Amino acid sequence: MPLVAGAVVQHEGDVLLIRRTISEGSLVWQFPAGKVDVGETPLEAAAREALEEAGVVVEPLAVIGERVHPVTERRVVYVACRWLSGAAGVASPREVSAAEWVTVDEMQARIPGGVYGPVWEYLAGPALPS
């Protein structure tokens, strides 16, 4: 099973979400994410995916947690990332149809089944300085 890295990016209290061009079952909105390439760490992959999918440059900070995603059944490593630059936008129209900064409450409403516990705890904690 390939490993996927998800970028959990906060900026000014909001969270970056992308909408896939082709949804994965009930999962339409999600964190920028993609397969970890050979020779790449999950932190590097999360930063690459944030840039490739949403045009946002981030600094990967730490792994928040890892699980087999209940919708996609992929092994996902969630990576806390600090926003450095870039406005959220569609950087890869083939893969992504929208990229938006949303409040934590809106994020919770857009992700079916709720947000993974350790990610929720991380986002509910003190905000990172921008």
Foldseek 3Di string as FASTA:
>chain_A
DFEKEFEFEDDPQWTKWFAWPDAQVLFGIDGQMDTADPPGDSQRRNQVSCCQAFVWGWHWDAWQDWDQDPRNRHIYTYTYIYTDDDDGAGNDVNTTDGMDTHHPVVVQVNGPPGDPPSSNVVSPDDDDDD
